[in-house]
N, C-alpha and C. Protein backbone atom coordinates (compact mmCIF):
# COMPACT_ATOMS: atom_id res chain seq x y z
N ASN A 1 66.65 32.49 42.65
CA ASN A 1 65.45 33.31 42.34
C ASN A 1 64.22 32.67 41.91
N GLU A 2 64.38 31.55 41.16
CA GLU A 2 63.34 30.71 40.76
C GLU A 2 62.57 30.02 41.74
N GLU A 3 63.61 29.38 42.44
CA GLU A 3 62.91 28.55 43.60
C GLU A 3 62.41 29.44 44.78
N LEU A 4 63.07 30.62 45.11
CA LEU A 4 62.46 31.58 46.05
C LEU A 4 60.97 32.04 45.65
N PHE A 5 60.78 32.37 44.33
CA PHE A 5 59.51 32.66 43.84
C PHE A 5 58.54 31.52 43.78
N GLN A 6 59.04 30.32 43.68
CA GLN A 6 58.22 29.22 43.70
C GLN A 6 57.52 29.08 45.20
N ILE A 7 58.53 29.25 46.17
CA ILE A 7 58.10 29.23 47.52
C ILE A 7 57.06 30.38 47.80
N VAL A 8 57.33 31.61 47.22
CA VAL A 8 56.44 32.71 47.43
C VAL A 8 55.11 32.34 46.81
N ASN A 9 55.07 31.77 45.62
CA ASN A 9 53.92 31.38 44.97
C ASN A 9 53.04 30.35 45.76
N ARG A 10 53.90 29.40 46.36
CA ARG A 10 52.92 28.50 47.32
C ARG A 10 52.34 29.08 48.35
N GLN A 11 52.95 30.13 48.89
CA GLN A 11 52.23 30.86 50.12
C GLN A 11 51.20 31.63 49.56
N ILE A 12 51.21 32.10 48.41
CA ILE A 12 50.23 32.77 47.95
C ILE A 12 48.93 31.89 47.64
N GLU A 13 49.22 30.69 47.25
CA GLU A 13 48.19 29.57 46.99
C GLU A 13 47.53 29.28 48.27
N LYS A 14 48.39 29.11 49.38
CA LYS A 14 47.82 28.77 50.64
C LYS A 14 46.76 30.01 51.07
N LEU A 15 47.16 31.35 50.87
CA LEU A 15 46.32 32.49 51.31
C LEU A 15 45.02 32.42 50.31
N GLU A 16 45.25 32.06 49.05
CA GLU A 16 44.04 32.07 48.10
C GLU A 16 43.03 30.87 48.75
N LYS A 17 43.61 29.90 49.19
CA LYS A 17 42.53 28.82 49.70
C LYS A 17 41.87 29.29 50.90
N THR A 18 42.62 30.00 51.80
CA THR A 18 41.81 30.54 52.85
C THR A 18 40.83 31.72 52.55
N LEU A 19 40.95 32.33 51.48
CA LEU A 19 39.99 33.20 51.05
C LEU A 19 38.84 32.72 50.39
N GLY A 20 38.89 31.40 49.99
CA GLY A 20 37.82 30.77 49.21
C GLY A 20 38.11 30.55 47.86
N PRO A 21 37.10 29.76 47.11
CA PRO A 21 37.40 29.58 45.78
C PRO A 21 37.31 30.90 44.97
N ARG A 22 38.28 30.85 43.93
CA ARG A 22 38.34 31.97 42.99
C ARG A 22 38.56 31.29 41.65
N ARG A 23 38.35 32.09 40.59
CA ARG A 23 38.58 31.67 39.16
C ARG A 23 40.14 31.68 38.84
N THR A 24 40.79 32.63 39.45
CA THR A 24 42.17 32.92 39.17
C THR A 24 42.92 33.37 40.47
N PHE A 25 44.15 33.30 40.62
CA PHE A 25 44.96 33.91 41.57
C PHE A 25 46.18 34.58 41.03
N SER A 26 46.62 35.36 41.76
CA SER A 26 47.89 36.21 41.43
C SER A 26 49.22 35.38 41.83
N MET A 27 50.09 35.39 40.81
CA MET A 27 51.40 34.90 41.13
C MET A 27 52.57 35.79 40.66
N VAL A 28 53.74 35.35 41.02
CA VAL A 28 54.99 36.34 40.80
C VAL A 28 55.76 35.42 39.78
N CYS A 29 56.36 36.08 38.66
CA CYS A 29 57.14 35.35 37.81
C CYS A 29 58.26 34.72 38.40
N GLU A 30 58.50 33.42 37.89
CA GLU A 30 59.65 32.52 38.65
C GLU A 30 60.82 32.41 37.75
N CYS A 31 61.02 33.40 36.83
CA CYS A 31 62.18 33.48 36.05
C CYS A 31 63.51 33.63 36.74
N GLY A 32 64.67 33.61 35.97
CA GLY A 32 65.91 33.66 36.81
C GLY A 32 66.32 35.05 36.83
N LYS A 33 65.58 36.13 36.39
CA LYS A 33 66.03 37.44 36.37
C LYS A 33 66.01 37.96 37.95
N LYS A 34 67.11 38.47 38.32
CA LYS A 34 67.38 38.71 39.93
C LYS A 34 66.33 39.67 40.45
N HIS A 35 65.85 40.75 39.61
CA HIS A 35 65.02 41.75 40.20
C HIS A 35 63.60 41.70 39.58
N CYS A 36 63.09 40.67 38.98
CA CYS A 36 61.92 40.50 38.26
C CYS A 36 60.94 40.25 39.43
N LEU A 37 59.81 41.28 39.34
CA LEU A 37 58.65 41.06 40.17
C LEU A 37 57.38 41.05 39.42
N ASP A 38 57.54 40.73 38.05
CA ASP A 38 56.32 40.79 37.29
C ASP A 38 55.27 39.77 37.72
N GLY A 39 54.02 39.98 37.60
CA GLY A 39 53.00 39.21 38.13
C GLY A 39 52.15 38.72 36.91
N PHE A 40 51.04 37.84 37.21
CA PHE A 40 50.11 37.45 36.34
C PHE A 40 49.01 36.61 36.92
N GLU A 41 48.04 36.24 36.34
CA GLU A 41 46.94 35.52 36.98
C GLU A 41 46.95 34.22 36.45
N VAL A 42 46.66 33.21 37.28
CA VAL A 42 46.78 31.55 36.82
C VAL A 42 45.56 31.01 37.34
N GLU A 43 45.03 30.03 36.61
CA GLU A 43 43.81 29.34 37.20
C GLU A 43 44.34 28.29 38.16
N PRO A 44 43.59 27.93 39.18
CA PRO A 44 44.09 27.04 40.15
C PRO A 44 44.34 25.60 39.66
N SER A 45 43.43 25.15 38.61
CA SER A 45 43.91 23.98 37.99
C SER A 45 45.26 23.73 37.29
N ALA A 46 45.53 24.88 36.52
CA ALA A 46 46.94 24.98 35.88
C ALA A 46 47.92 24.97 36.85
N TYR A 47 47.79 25.77 37.87
CA TYR A 47 48.70 25.86 38.99
C TYR A 47 49.15 24.47 39.52
N GLN A 48 47.98 23.81 39.95
CA GLN A 48 48.22 22.42 40.39
C GLN A 48 48.93 21.51 39.40
N ARG A 49 48.59 21.61 38.17
CA ARG A 49 49.09 20.75 37.25
C ARG A 49 50.69 21.04 37.13
N VAL A 50 51.01 22.26 37.08
CA VAL A 50 52.49 22.73 36.96
C VAL A 50 53.23 22.37 38.04
N ARG A 51 52.71 22.52 39.33
CA ARG A 51 53.33 22.12 40.56
C ARG A 51 53.67 20.83 40.68
N ALA A 52 52.83 19.86 40.03
CA ALA A 52 53.08 18.39 40.05
C ALA A 52 54.45 18.09 39.49
N ASN A 53 54.98 18.73 38.70
CA ASN A 53 56.33 18.56 38.01
C ASN A 53 57.34 19.52 38.68
N PRO A 54 58.32 19.00 39.44
CA PRO A 54 59.32 19.95 40.11
C PRO A 54 60.19 20.64 39.13
N LEU A 55 60.26 20.22 37.92
CA LEU A 55 61.13 20.86 36.93
C LEU A 55 60.37 22.01 36.19
N TRP A 56 59.17 22.22 36.48
CA TRP A 56 58.27 23.27 35.63
C TRP A 56 58.05 24.39 36.37
N PHE A 57 58.30 25.59 35.83
CA PHE A 57 58.04 26.86 36.45
C PHE A 57 57.31 27.79 35.64
N PHE A 58 56.65 28.75 36.21
CA PHE A 58 55.73 29.88 35.67
C PHE A 58 56.68 31.04 35.30
N VAL A 59 56.74 31.46 34.14
CA VAL A 59 57.35 32.71 33.85
C VAL A 59 56.54 33.61 32.98
N VAL A 60 56.73 35.00 32.88
CA VAL A 60 55.93 35.83 32.01
C VAL A 60 56.74 35.70 30.62
N PRO A 61 55.88 35.98 29.53
CA PRO A 61 56.57 35.81 28.34
C PRO A 61 57.65 36.62 28.06
N GLU A 62 58.66 36.18 27.29
CA GLU A 62 59.97 36.77 27.17
C GLU A 62 60.84 36.76 28.28
N HIS A 63 60.52 36.03 29.36
CA HIS A 63 61.54 35.90 30.48
C HIS A 63 61.99 34.47 30.37
N GLU A 64 61.71 33.65 29.42
CA GLU A 64 62.30 32.25 29.37
C GLU A 64 63.75 32.41 28.95
N ASP A 65 64.44 31.39 29.38
CA ASP A 65 65.96 31.41 29.03
C ASP A 65 66.27 30.08 28.28
N SER A 66 66.44 30.00 27.02
CA SER A 66 66.42 28.91 26.26
C SER A 66 67.80 28.10 26.54
N GLN A 67 68.82 28.68 27.33
CA GLN A 67 69.89 27.99 27.58
C GLN A 67 69.75 27.06 28.78
N VAL A 68 68.75 27.22 29.49
CA VAL A 68 68.50 26.28 30.80
C VAL A 68 67.17 25.91 30.84
N GLU A 69 66.16 26.19 29.89
CA GLU A 69 64.84 25.69 30.03
C GLU A 69 64.14 25.63 28.52
N LYS A 70 63.07 24.96 28.42
CA LYS A 70 62.46 24.96 27.30
C LYS A 70 60.94 25.13 27.63
N VAL A 71 60.19 25.71 26.64
CA VAL A 71 58.84 26.07 26.91
C VAL A 71 57.92 24.84 26.63
N ILE A 72 57.20 24.64 27.55
CA ILE A 72 56.22 23.48 27.58
C ILE A 72 54.64 23.95 27.19
N GLU A 73 54.46 25.22 27.74
CA GLU A 73 53.13 25.74 27.33
C GLU A 73 53.15 27.22 27.24
N ARG A 74 52.17 27.86 26.30
CA ARG A 74 52.16 29.29 26.19
C ARG A 74 50.90 29.73 26.29
N THR A 75 50.65 30.76 27.12
CA THR A 75 49.35 31.52 27.20
C THR A 75 49.68 32.83 27.12
N PRO A 76 48.67 33.81 26.89
CA PRO A 76 48.97 35.22 26.79
C PRO A 76 49.49 35.80 28.13
N GLN A 77 49.26 35.11 29.20
CA GLN A 77 49.70 35.75 30.46
C GLN A 77 50.91 35.12 31.18
N TYR A 78 51.19 34.03 30.68
CA TYR A 78 52.39 33.30 31.24
C TYR A 78 52.87 32.11 30.36
N LEU A 79 54.04 31.59 30.59
CA LEU A 79 54.56 30.44 29.83
C LEU A 79 54.87 29.33 31.12
N VAL A 80 54.85 28.23 30.62
CA VAL A 80 55.34 27.15 31.69
C VAL A 80 56.54 26.74 31.04
N VAL A 81 57.78 26.68 31.69
CA VAL A 81 59.07 26.15 31.17
C VAL A 81 59.53 25.02 31.94
N GLU A 82 60.41 24.14 31.32
CA GLU A 82 60.84 22.92 32.05
C GLU A 82 62.33 23.22 32.14
N LYS A 83 62.98 23.05 33.16
CA LYS A 83 64.39 23.25 33.30
C LYS A 83 65.02 21.86 32.66
N VAL A 84 66.25 22.16 31.92
CA VAL A 84 66.85 21.13 31.27
C VAL A 84 68.48 21.27 31.63
N GLY A 85 69.20 20.09 31.23
CA GLY A 85 70.54 19.98 31.46
C GLY A 85 70.97 20.13 33.04
N ARG A 86 71.96 21.01 33.17
CA ARG A 86 72.40 21.19 34.55
C ARG A 86 71.54 21.86 35.41
N ALA A 87 70.63 22.91 34.85
CA ALA A 87 69.57 23.47 35.64
C ALA A 87 68.68 22.44 36.20
N ALA A 88 68.33 21.50 35.49
CA ALA A 88 67.29 20.35 35.87
C ALA A 88 68.08 19.65 37.11
N GLU A 89 69.34 19.30 36.89
CA GLU A 89 70.03 18.65 37.92
C GLU A 89 70.02 19.50 39.25
N VAL A 90 70.39 20.67 39.13
CA VAL A 90 70.30 21.68 40.34
C VAL A 90 68.91 21.71 41.00
N VAL A 91 67.92 21.67 40.29
CA VAL A 91 66.42 21.56 40.81
C VAL A 91 66.27 20.29 41.47
N ARG A 92 66.67 19.31 41.01
CA ARG A 92 66.41 17.88 41.57
C ARG A 92 67.34 17.62 42.76
N ASP A 93 68.44 18.24 42.80
CA ASP A 93 69.06 18.15 44.07
C ASP A 93 68.71 18.92 45.21
N ASN A 94 67.83 19.89 44.96
CA ASN A 94 67.32 20.76 46.07
C ASN A 94 66.01 20.12 46.60
């Protein structure tokens, strides 16, 4: 689910680029909850910074899973989490 929504968000980013510069764009939560479709707004610079690290994901607050990730950054709209342990290995292998 996390990787799927990371792909969806990359497509949203491409769409946003074709629409022209904006202050923020919409994203979908990249948490591990199977049916989560929660959304939020993110600044393009924050998006690019997080995408630079393959272990980092955007999730809405309270969707973090402390067993497989640690919170790197908190904002009112979203959290940036980093996969750890076995979850990080899985991400690296894909």
